[in-house]
Protein backbone atom coordinates (compact mmCIF):
# COMPACT_ATOMS: atom_id res chain seq x y z
CA MET A 1 35.59 70.86 118.38
CA SER A 2 36.96 69.87 121.77
CA THR A 3 39.38 66.99 122.21
CA ALA A 4 37.83 63.74 123.44
CA SER A 5 39.10 60.18 123.57
CA PHE A 6 37.24 57.23 122.11
CA ASP A 7 36.45 53.83 123.64
CA TYR A 8 35.51 51.47 120.80
CA LYS A 9 36.18 50.81 117.13
CA CYS A 10 32.86 49.99 115.43
CA TYR A 11 31.11 49.48 112.14
CA LEU A 12 28.18 51.85 111.76
CA GLN A 13 25.49 51.35 109.13
CA MET A 14 22.80 53.98 109.04
CA ARG A 15 20.00 55.18 106.86
CA ARG A 16 19.64 58.82 105.98
CA SER A 17 17.82 60.54 108.81
CA ILE A 18 14.67 62.50 108.14
CA ALA A 19 16.57 65.43 109.65
CA ALA A 20 19.42 65.11 107.10
CA GLY A 21 19.26 66.87 103.76
CA ALA A 22 18.87 64.81 100.58
CA ALA A 23 22.33 65.65 99.24
CA MET A 24 24.05 65.18 102.61
CA ALA A 25 26.61 62.41 103.14
CA PRO A 26 27.39 61.06 106.65
CA LYS A 27 30.56 63.20 106.80
CA ASP A 28 28.48 66.35 106.23
CA ASP A 29 26.15 65.80 109.16
CA ILE A 30 26.84 68.39 111.87
CA VAL A 31 25.47 66.00 114.53
CA ASP A 32 28.31 63.82 115.80
CA TRP A 33 26.37 61.97 118.48
CA LEU A 34 23.57 59.43 118.41
CA PHE A 35 21.96 56.93 120.78
CA ILE A 36 22.79 53.25 121.21
CA GLU A 37 20.03 50.92 122.40
CA LEU A 38 21.38 48.28 124.75
CA ARG A 39 19.80 44.91 125.48
CA ASN A 40 17.65 46.34 128.26
CA LYS A 41 16.06 48.65 125.66
CA HIS A 42 17.51 51.74 127.32
CA ARG A 43 19.22 54.25 125.05
CA PHE A 44 22.47 55.99 125.85
CA GLY A 45 24.23 58.75 123.98
CA PHE A 46 27.49 58.21 122.18
CA ARG A 47 29.79 60.46 120.23
CA TYR A 48 31.35 59.19 117.02
CA LYS A 49 34.11 60.02 114.58
CA ILE A 50 34.13 58.63 111.03
CA ILE A 51 37.59 57.20 110.31
CA GLU A 52 37.52 57.53 106.50
CA PRO A 53 34.91 60.24 105.83
CA SER A 54 35.24 60.08 102.04
CA LYS A 55 34.29 56.37 102.08
CA ALA A 56 31.28 56.73 104.41
CA ASN A 57 27.93 56.28 102.67
CA TYR A 58 24.39 55.78 103.89
CA ASP A 59 23.15 52.16 103.88
CA GLU A 60 26.75 50.84 103.91
CA LYS A 61 28.98 49.92 106.86
CA PHE A 62 31.79 52.34 107.66
CA ILE A 63 34.32 52.46 110.48
CA VAL A 64 33.83 54.83 113.39
CA TYR A 65 35.39 55.36 116.79
CA ILE A 66 32.86 55.97 119.53
CA SER A 67 32.80 57.29 123.06
CA ILE A 68 29.77 56.25 125.07
CA PHE A 69 28.43 58.68 127.65
CA LEU A 70 28.30 57.06 131.12
CA LYS A 71 30.83 54.46 129.93
CA ASN A 72 31.92 53.54 133.46
CA ARG A 73 28.36 52.54 134.29
CA LEU A 74 27.71 50.81 130.96
CA SER A 75 30.97 49.01 130.13
CA GLU A 76 29.67 45.64 131.37
CA ASN A 77 26.66 45.95 129.03
CA ILE A 78 28.75 46.58 125.90
CA ILE A 79 29.70 43.28 124.27
CA ILE A 80 32.44 43.02 121.65
CA GLY A 81 31.04 41.46 118.47
CA GLN A 82 27.47 42.48 119.35
CA SER A 83 25.27 44.70 117.17
CA TYR A 84 23.00 47.33 118.65
CA ASN A 85 20.25 49.56 117.25
CA VAL A 86 21.13 53.21 116.69
CA TRP A 87 18.73 56.12 117.10
CA ARG A 88 18.80 59.80 116.24
CA GLY A 89 16.42 61.20 118.82
CA GLU A 90 13.22 59.17 118.43
CA GLU A 91 14.11 58.02 114.90
CA PRO A 92 15.67 54.55 114.42
CA ILE A 93 18.39 55.05 111.81
CA GLY A 94 20.60 51.98 111.80
CA GLU A 95 22.86 49.55 113.57
CA ILE A 96 26.32 49.56 115.11
CA LEU A 97 28.63 46.57 115.52
CA ILE A 98 31.13 46.86 118.37
CA GLU A 99 34.37 45.60 116.81
CA GLU A 100 36.97 46.17 119.53
CA ARG A 101 37.79 48.04 122.71
CA LEU A 102 40.47 50.67 122.21
CA ILE A 103 43.06 50.03 124.88
CA ASP A 104 45.21 53.13 124.45
CA ASN A 105 42.38 55.49 123.66
CA ASP A 106 44.22 58.61 124.85
CA SER A 107 46.07 58.63 121.52
CA ILE A 108 42.81 58.61 119.54
CA SER A 109 41.19 62.02 119.63
CA THR A 110 39.37 64.50 117.45
């Protein structure tokens, strides 16, 4: 996996995707990017990293760091404390709460 920095600390709560296997936990999913739906109903890709993989369960909130694609263009549309719908392709799978902006995000990498 290539090194990438992250922009936000968030709480992600998602349902098991139709594409995920029945025995799969969030940490076992090989897909590490989803789509966030902003207020204008447009969806943008984001990459995520689960902070405590062993504690991440479907239908429960868990902490992730995210990096939003096109972040320079979208930063004014991301509101701290706001929740947004999360999609996996065309499937709505949950919600993400933007907790805080990571100031020194160069030190947070995969």
